[in-house]
Amino acid sequence: MISGLKEGELVTLSFSTQEAEAKLDWEHSKEFEYNGQMYDVVESKITADSAVYVCWPDDDETLLNKQLKGIVAVALGHHQKSKESRKNLISFFKSVYCQDIEIQRIAPMARATGLLCEYFTFEPLWLKSPPSPPPEYC
């Protein structure tokens, strides 16, 4: 594969020894990731204080890595759209179901007006099975 590469397709990356250790994430001896881009090493020259790599930018593998990271982020719930969707879903369910606080506010008013019937409850409605037979209205 490397023998078929043209000179213009290769890039030269130079680092100090400390930079190379800190910034390069090696997959194996001939491949690393730098700034989110994958590189295949064609040639390297290592000295006591520097490292020079002649590399081929592997765009296909870079794209696959980004897609994989995105899939993992969504699966783990770290993806921003996933967080927004979860927040919207929770907000929707809160708007649909009665809150305990709201029921407690209604109950004293219902007792005072005589509108409290045997089917009025202080438990959240979604925790109970529907009555059978259906209740008659007060």
N, C-alpha and C. Protein backbone atom coordinates (compact mmCIF):
# COMPACT_ATOMS: atom_id res chain seq x y z
N MET A 1 0.82 -1.18 0.00
CA MET A 1 0.00 0.00 0.00
C MET A 1 0.87 1.26 0.00
N ILE A 2 1.87 1.28 0.86
CA ILE A 2 2.71 2.46 1.00
C ILE A 2 3.51 2.71 -0.27
N SER A 3 3.89 1.68 -0.98
CA SER A 3 4.66 1.86 -2.21
C SER A 3 3.86 2.59 -3.29
N GLY A 4 2.53 2.54 -3.21
CA GLY A 4 1.69 3.20 -4.19
C GLY A 4 1.38 4.65 -3.86
N LEU A 5 1.90 5.15 -2.75
CA LEU A 5 1.62 6.54 -2.35
C LEU A 5 2.48 7.52 -3.12
N LYS A 6 1.92 8.68 -3.38
CA LYS A 6 2.66 9.76 -4.02
C LYS A 6 3.26 10.64 -2.93
N GLU A 7 4.33 11.33 -3.26
CA GLU A 7 5.02 12.19 -2.30
C GLU A 7 4.08 13.25 -1.71
N GLY A 8 3.17 13.77 -2.49
CA GLY A 8 2.25 14.81 -2.02
C GLY A 8 1.22 14.31 -1.03
N GLU A 9 1.01 13.01 -0.94
CA GLU A 9 0.04 12.44 0.00
C GLU A 9 0.63 12.26 1.39
N LEU A 10 1.92 12.41 1.53
CA LEU A 10 2.58 12.21 2.82
C LEU A 10 2.78 13.54 3.53
N VAL A 11 2.74 13.49 4.84
CA VAL A 11 3.00 14.68 5.66
C VAL A 11 4.14 14.37 6.60
N THR A 12 4.90 15.41 6.95
CA THR A 12 6.00 15.25 7.90
C THR A 12 5.62 15.97 9.19
N LEU A 13 5.65 15.24 10.30
CA LEU A 13 5.33 15.79 11.61
C LEU A 13 6.57 15.73 12.49
N SER A 14 6.92 16.87 13.08
CA SER A 14 8.10 16.95 13.94
C SER A 14 7.68 17.32 15.35
N PHE A 15 8.25 16.64 16.32
CA PHE A 15 7.92 16.88 17.73
C PHE A 15 9.19 16.82 18.56
N SER A 16 9.16 17.51 19.71
CA SER A 16 10.19 17.24 20.71
C SER A 16 9.83 15.90 21.34
N THR A 17 10.76 15.30 22.04
CA THR A 17 10.50 14.01 22.67
C THR A 17 9.32 14.11 23.63
N GLN A 18 9.28 15.19 24.41
CA GLN A 18 8.19 15.38 25.38
C GLN A 18 6.84 15.57 24.68
N GLU A 19 6.83 16.35 23.59
CA GLU A 19 5.59 16.55 22.83
C GLU A 19 5.09 15.23 22.25
N ALA A 20 5.99 14.45 21.70
CA ALA A 20 5.60 13.17 21.10
C ALA A 20 4.97 12.25 22.14
N GLU A 21 5.54 12.21 23.33
CA GLU A 21 4.98 11.36 24.39
C GLU A 21 3.61 11.86 24.84
N ALA A 22 3.44 13.18 24.90
CA ALA A 22 2.20 13.75 25.41
C ALA A 22 1.08 13.80 24.37
N LYS A 23 1.41 14.07 23.11
CA LYS A 23 0.38 14.36 22.11
C LYS A 23 0.02 13.20 21.18
N LEU A 24 0.86 12.18 21.10
CA LEU A 24 0.59 11.09 20.18
C LEU A 24 -0.02 9.91 20.92
N ASP A 25 -1.12 9.42 20.39
CA ASP A 25 -1.80 8.25 20.96
C ASP A 25 -1.56 7.09 20.00
N TRP A 26 -0.63 6.23 20.38
CA TRP A 26 -0.20 5.14 19.49
C TRP A 26 -1.17 3.98 19.52
N GLU A 27 -1.57 3.52 18.34
CA GLU A 27 -2.36 2.28 18.20
C GLU A 27 -1.41 1.08 18.22
N HIS A 28 -0.34 1.19 17.48
CA HIS A 28 0.75 0.21 17.46
C HIS A 28 1.96 0.93 16.90
N SER A 29 3.06 0.23 16.65
CA SER A 29 4.33 0.87 16.29
C SER A 29 4.30 1.64 14.98
N LYS A 30 3.32 1.41 14.12
CA LYS A 30 3.27 2.09 12.82
C LYS A 30 2.01 2.94 12.63
N GLU A 31 1.29 3.23 13.72
CA GLU A 31 0.06 4.00 13.58
C GLU A 31 -0.23 4.76 14.87
N PHE A 32 -0.58 6.05 14.72
CA PHE A 32 -0.93 6.86 15.89
C PHE A 32 -2.02 7.86 15.54
N GLU A 33 -2.60 8.43 16.59
CA GLU A 33 -3.60 9.49 16.43
C GLU A 33 -3.01 10.78 16.98
N TYR A 34 -3.20 11.85 16.23
CA TYR A 34 -2.71 13.16 16.63
C TYR A 34 -3.77 14.19 16.25
N ASN A 35 -4.25 14.96 17.24
CA ASN A 35 -5.30 15.97 17.02
C ASN A 35 -6.52 15.40 16.32
N GLY A 36 -6.94 14.20 16.70
CA GLY A 36 -8.13 13.58 16.13
C GLY A 36 -7.95 12.96 14.76
N GLN A 37 -6.75 13.00 14.22
CA GLN A 37 -6.46 12.43 12.90
C GLN A 37 -5.57 11.20 13.07
N MET A 38 -5.91 10.14 12.37
CA MET A 38 -5.09 8.93 12.38
C MET A 38 -3.99 9.05 11.32
N TYR A 39 -2.78 8.55 11.66
CA TYR A 39 -1.64 8.57 10.74
C TYR A 39 -0.98 7.20 10.71
N ASP A 40 -0.61 6.77 9.53
CA ASP A 40 0.21 5.57 9.35
C ASP A 40 1.64 6.04 9.11
N VAL A 41 2.57 5.51 9.90
CA VAL A 41 3.97 5.93 9.81
C VAL A 41 4.66 5.22 8.64
N VAL A 42 5.25 6.02 7.75
CA VAL A 42 5.99 5.49 6.61
C VAL A 42 7.48 5.45 6.96
N GLU A 43 7.91 6.50 7.63
CA GLU A 43 9.33 6.62 7.96
C GLU A 43 9.44 7.42 9.26
N SER A 44 10.40 7.10 10.09
CA SER A 44 10.60 7.86 11.33
C SER A 44 12.08 8.06 11.61
N LYS A 45 12.37 9.17 12.26
CA LYS A 45 13.74 9.47 12.67
C LYS A 45 13.67 9.99 14.10
N ILE A 46 14.19 9.21 15.03
CA ILE A 46 14.14 9.53 16.45
C ILE A 46 15.54 9.88 16.92
N THR A 47 15.67 11.03 17.60
CA THR A 47 16.95 11.42 18.22
C THR A 47 16.69 11.55 19.71
N ALA A 48 17.70 11.97 20.44
CA ALA A 48 17.58 12.11 21.90
C ALA A 48 16.55 13.16 22.30
N ASP A 49 16.41 14.21 21.49
CA ASP A 49 15.51 15.29 21.88
C ASP A 49 14.37 15.58 20.89
N SER A 50 14.28 14.80 19.80
CA SER A 50 13.21 15.06 18.83
C SER A 50 12.77 13.77 18.12
N ALA A 51 11.59 13.89 17.49
CA ALA A 51 11.05 12.78 16.71
C ALA A 51 10.43 13.36 15.45
N VAL A 52 10.80 12.82 14.31
CA VAL A 52 10.26 13.26 13.02
C VAL A 52 9.62 12.04 12.36
N TYR A 53 8.35 12.21 11.96
CA TYR A 53 7.60 11.11 11.33
C TYR A 53 7.12 11.54 9.96
N VAL A 54 7.37 10.74 8.97
CA VAL A 54 6.78 10.91 7.64
C VAL A 54 5.58 9.96 7.64
N CYS A 55 4.39 10.54 7.44
CA CYS A 55 3.16 9.77 7.64
C CYS A 55 2.18 9.94 6.49
N TRP A 56 1.26 8.98 6.42
CA TRP A 56 0.13 9.06 5.52
C TRP A 56 -1.11 9.30 6.38
N PRO A 57 -1.84 10.41 6.16
CA PRO A 57 -3.06 10.66 6.92
C PRO A 57 -4.15 9.65 6.53
N ASP A 58 -4.57 8.83 7.47
CA ASP A 58 -5.57 7.78 7.21
C ASP A 58 -6.96 8.36 7.46
N ASP A 59 -7.53 9.01 6.45
CA ASP A 59 -8.83 9.68 6.59
C ASP A 59 -9.98 8.70 6.82
N ASP A 60 -9.91 7.52 6.21
CA ASP A 60 -10.98 6.54 6.38
C ASP A 60 -11.06 6.07 7.83
N GLU A 61 -9.91 5.75 8.41
CA GLU A 61 -9.91 5.29 9.80
C GLU A 61 -10.30 6.43 10.75
N THR A 62 -9.90 7.65 10.42
CA THR A 62 -10.28 8.81 11.23
C THR A 62 -11.80 8.96 11.26
N LEU A 63 -12.43 8.84 10.11
CA LEU A 63 -13.89 8.94 10.02
C LEU A 63 -14.56 7.82 10.81
N LEU A 64 -14.06 6.59 10.68
CA LEU A 64 -14.62 5.47 11.44
C LEU A 64 -14.50 5.69 12.94
N ASN A 65 -13.36 6.20 13.39
CA ASN A 65 -13.17 6.47 14.82
C ASN A 65 -14.15 7.52 15.32
N LYS A 66 -14.37 8.58 14.54
CA LYS A 66 -15.33 9.62 14.93
C LYS A 66 -16.74 9.06 15.02
N GLN A 67 -17.11 8.22 14.05
CA GLN A 67 -18.44 7.61 14.07
C GLN A 67 -18.59 6.69 15.28
N LEU A 68 -17.57 5.92 15.57
CA LEU A 68 -17.62 5.03 16.72
C LEU A 68 -17.73 5.81 18.03
N LYS A 69 -16.97 6.89 18.16
CA LYS A 69 -17.07 7.72 19.37
C LYS A 69 -18.46 8.32 19.50
N GLY A 70 -19.06 8.72 18.38
CA GLY A 70 -20.41 9.27 18.41
C GLY A 70 -21.43 8.23 18.85
N ILE A 71 -21.30 7.02 18.34
CA ILE A 71 -22.23 5.94 18.71
C ILE A 71 -22.11 5.62 20.19
N VAL A 72 -20.88 5.55 20.68
CA VAL A 72 -20.66 5.26 22.10
C VAL A 72 -21.22 6.39 22.96
N ALA A 73 -21.03 7.64 22.54
CA ALA A 73 -21.56 8.77 23.30
C ALA A 73 -23.08 8.72 23.39
N VAL A 74 -23.73 8.39 22.29
CA VAL A 74 -25.19 8.27 22.30
C VAL A 74 -25.62 7.12 23.21
N ALA A 75 -24.95 5.98 23.10
CA ALA A 75 -25.31 4.81 23.91
C ALA A 75 -25.14 5.07 25.39
N LEU A 76 -24.13 5.84 25.75
CA LEU A 76 -23.88 6.14 27.17
C LEU A 76 -24.63 7.37 27.65
N GLY A 77 -25.34 8.03 26.76
CA GLY A 77 -26.11 9.20 27.15
C GLY A 77 -25.29 10.47 27.29
N HIS A 78 -24.11 10.51 26.72
CA HIS A 78 -23.26 11.69 26.82
C HIS A 78 -23.42 12.62 25.63
N HIS A 79 -24.16 12.21 24.65
CA HIS A 79 -24.34 13.01 23.45
C HIS A 79 -25.33 14.14 23.74
N GLN A 80 -25.05 15.35 23.28
CA GLN A 80 -25.87 16.51 23.58
C GLN A 80 -27.31 16.34 23.14
N LYS A 81 -27.54 15.81 21.93
CA LYS A 81 -28.91 15.60 21.46
C LYS A 81 -29.64 14.59 22.33
N SER A 82 -28.92 13.59 22.80
CA SER A 82 -29.51 12.58 23.67
C SER A 82 -29.93 13.21 24.99
N LYS A 83 -29.09 14.08 25.53
CA LYS A 83 -29.42 14.76 26.79
C LYS A 83 -30.64 15.64 26.61
N GLU A 84 -30.71 16.37 25.50
CA GLU A 84 -31.85 17.24 25.24
C GLU A 84 -33.12 16.43 25.06
N SER A 85 -33.04 15.32 24.36
CA SER A 85 -34.21 14.46 24.17
C SER A 85 -34.71 13.91 25.50
N ARG A 86 -33.78 13.46 26.34
CA ARG A 86 -34.16 12.92 27.65
C ARG A 86 -34.82 14.02 28.50
N LYS A 87 -34.26 15.23 28.46
CA LYS A 87 -34.83 16.35 29.22
C LYS A 87 -36.23 16.68 28.72
N ASN A 88 -36.42 16.69 27.39
CA ASN A 88 -37.75 16.96 26.83
C ASN A 88 -38.75 15.87 27.20
N LEU A 89 -38.31 14.62 27.20
CA LEU A 89 -39.19 13.52 27.56
C LEU A 89 -39.62 13.61 29.03
N ILE A 90 -38.69 13.93 29.90
CA ILE A 90 -39.02 14.08 31.32
C ILE A 90 -39.99 15.24 31.52
N SER A 91 -39.74 16.34 30.83
CA SER A 91 -40.63 17.49 30.91
C SER A 91 -42.04 17.13 30.43
N PHE A 92 -42.11 16.36 29.34
CA PHE A 92 -43.41 15.94 28.83
C PHE A 92 -44.15 15.09 29.87
N PHE A 93 -43.47 14.11 30.45
CA PHE A 93 -44.14 13.25 31.43
C PHE A 93 -44.56 14.02 32.67
N LYS A 94 -43.77 15.00 33.06
CA LYS A 94 -44.17 15.83 34.21
C LYS A 94 -45.43 16.61 33.90
N SER A 95 -45.59 17.03 32.65
CA SER A 95 -46.77 17.80 32.29
C SER A 95 -48.02 16.92 32.17
N VAL A 96 -47.84 15.63 31.91
CA VAL A 96 -48.97 14.73 31.71
C VAL A 96 -49.49 14.18 33.03
N TYR A 97 -48.59 13.80 33.94
CA TYR A 97 -48.98 13.17 35.18
C TYR A 97 -49.15 14.19 36.29
N CYS A 98 -50.07 13.87 37.20
CA CYS A 98 -50.29 14.74 38.36
C CYS A 98 -49.08 14.68 39.28
N GLN A 99 -48.80 15.78 39.88
CA GLN A 99 -47.73 15.85 40.86
C GLN A 99 -48.35 15.72 42.25
N ASP A 100 -47.64 15.10 43.19
CA ASP A 100 -48.16 14.97 44.55
C ASP A 100 -48.50 16.33 45.15
N ILE A 101 -47.69 17.33 44.88
CA ILE A 101 -47.91 18.67 45.43
C ILE A 101 -49.24 19.23 44.94
N GLU A 102 -49.54 19.05 43.68
CA GLU A 102 -50.79 19.57 43.13
C GLU A 102 -51.99 18.86 43.76
N ILE A 103 -51.91 17.56 43.97
CA ILE A 103 -53.00 16.81 44.59
C ILE A 103 -53.21 17.30 46.01
N GLN A 104 -52.13 17.55 46.74
CA GLN A 104 -52.26 18.01 48.12
C GLN A 104 -52.89 19.40 48.17
N ARG A 105 -52.68 20.23 47.17
CA ARG A 105 -53.31 21.55 47.13
C ARG A 105 -54.80 21.43 46.84
N ILE A 106 -55.17 20.46 46.02
CA ILE A 106 -56.57 20.31 45.61
C ILE A 106 -57.40 19.69 46.73
N ALA A 107 -56.84 18.75 47.49
CA ALA A 107 -57.60 17.99 48.48
C ALA A 107 -58.30 18.86 49.52
N PRO A 108 -57.62 19.82 50.19
CA PRO A 108 -58.35 20.62 51.19
C PRO A 108 -59.50 21.41 50.57
N MET A 109 -59.33 21.91 49.37
CA MET A 109 -60.37 22.65 48.69
C MET A 109 -61.55 21.72 48.37
N ALA A 110 -61.25 20.49 47.96
CA ALA A 110 -62.31 19.54 47.64
C ALA A 110 -63.10 19.16 48.89
N ARG A 111 -62.40 18.97 50.02
CA ARG A 111 -63.09 18.64 51.28
C ARG A 111 -64.00 19.80 51.69
N ALA A 112 -63.50 21.02 51.59
CA ALA A 112 -64.24 22.18 52.03
C ALA A 112 -65.50 22.39 51.19
N THR A 113 -65.44 22.03 49.94
CA THR A 113 -66.60 22.23 49.07
C THR A 113 -67.48 20.98 48.98
N GLY A 114 -67.10 19.89 49.65
CA GLY A 114 -67.89 18.68 49.64
C GLY A 114 -67.76 17.89 48.34
N LEU A 115 -66.73 18.18 47.54
CA LEU A 115 -66.56 17.50 46.26
C LEU A 115 -65.68 16.26 46.36
N LEU A 116 -65.20 15.94 47.55
CA LEU A 116 -64.30 14.81 47.71
C LEU A 116 -65.13 13.53 47.74
N CYS A 117 -64.89 12.63 46.83
CA CYS A 117 -65.61 11.38 46.79
C CYS A 117 -64.67 10.23 47.16
N GLU A 118 -65.18 9.03 47.26
CA GLU A 118 -64.38 7.91 47.72
C GLU A 118 -63.25 7.54 46.76
N TYR A 119 -63.31 7.99 45.52
CA TYR A 119 -62.28 7.63 44.55
C TYR A 119 -61.14 8.65 44.48
N PHE A 120 -61.29 9.77 45.18
CA PHE A 120 -60.22 10.77 45.20
C PHE A 120 -59.11 10.23 46.08
N THR A 121 -57.92 10.30 45.64
CA THR A 121 -56.80 9.69 46.37
C THR A 121 -55.63 10.66 46.44
N PHE A 122 -54.77 10.43 47.43
CA PHE A 122 -53.57 11.24 47.58
C PHE A 122 -52.36 10.54 46.96
N GLU A 123 -52.56 9.34 46.45
CA GLU A 123 -51.47 8.62 45.79
C GLU A 123 -51.39 9.05 44.33
N PRO A 124 -50.19 9.06 43.77
CA PRO A 124 -50.08 9.38 42.34
C PRO A 124 -50.92 8.41 41.51
N LEU A 125 -51.66 8.93 40.57
CA LEU A 125 -52.62 8.12 39.82
C LEU A 125 -51.96 7.02 39.01
N TRP A 126 -50.74 7.23 38.54
CA TRP A 126 -50.11 6.23 37.68
C TRP A 126 -49.63 5.01 38.47
N LEU A 127 -49.67 5.09 39.82
CA LEU A 127 -49.26 3.95 40.63
C LEU A 127 -50.41 2.99 40.89
N LYS A 128 -51.62 3.38 40.58
CA LYS A 128 -52.80 2.57 40.87
C LYS A 128 -53.38 1.98 39.59
N SER A 129 -53.99 0.83 39.73
CA SER A 129 -54.74 0.24 38.61
C SER A 129 -56.06 0.99 38.49
N PRO A 130 -56.61 1.06 37.29
CA PRO A 130 -57.92 1.71 37.16
C PRO A 130 -58.98 0.90 37.91
N PRO A 131 -59.93 1.57 38.52
CA PRO A 131 -60.96 0.85 39.28
C PRO A 131 -61.85 0.03 38.36
N SER A 132 -62.31 -1.09 38.88
CA SER A 132 -63.20 -1.93 38.11
C SER A 132 -64.34 -2.36 39.02
N PRO A 133 -65.54 -2.11 38.73
CA PRO A 133 -66.07 -1.37 37.60
C PRO A 133 -65.73 0.12 37.72
N PRO A 134 -65.84 0.87 36.65
CA PRO A 134 -65.50 2.30 36.70
C PRO A 134 -66.33 3.03 37.75
N PRO A 135 -65.76 4.01 38.39
CA PRO A 135 -66.50 4.73 39.44
C PRO A 135 -67.63 5.58 38.87
N GLU A 136 -68.61 5.84 39.71
CA GLU A 136 -69.67 6.77 39.34
C GLU A 136 -69.23 8.15 39.79
N TYR A 137 -69.58 9.15 39.05
CA TYR A 137 -69.18 10.51 39.42
C TYR A 137 -69.96 10.95 40.65
N CYS A 138 -69.36 11.76 41.46
CA CYS A 138 -69.97 12.29 42.69
C CYS A 138 -71.05 13.29 42.38
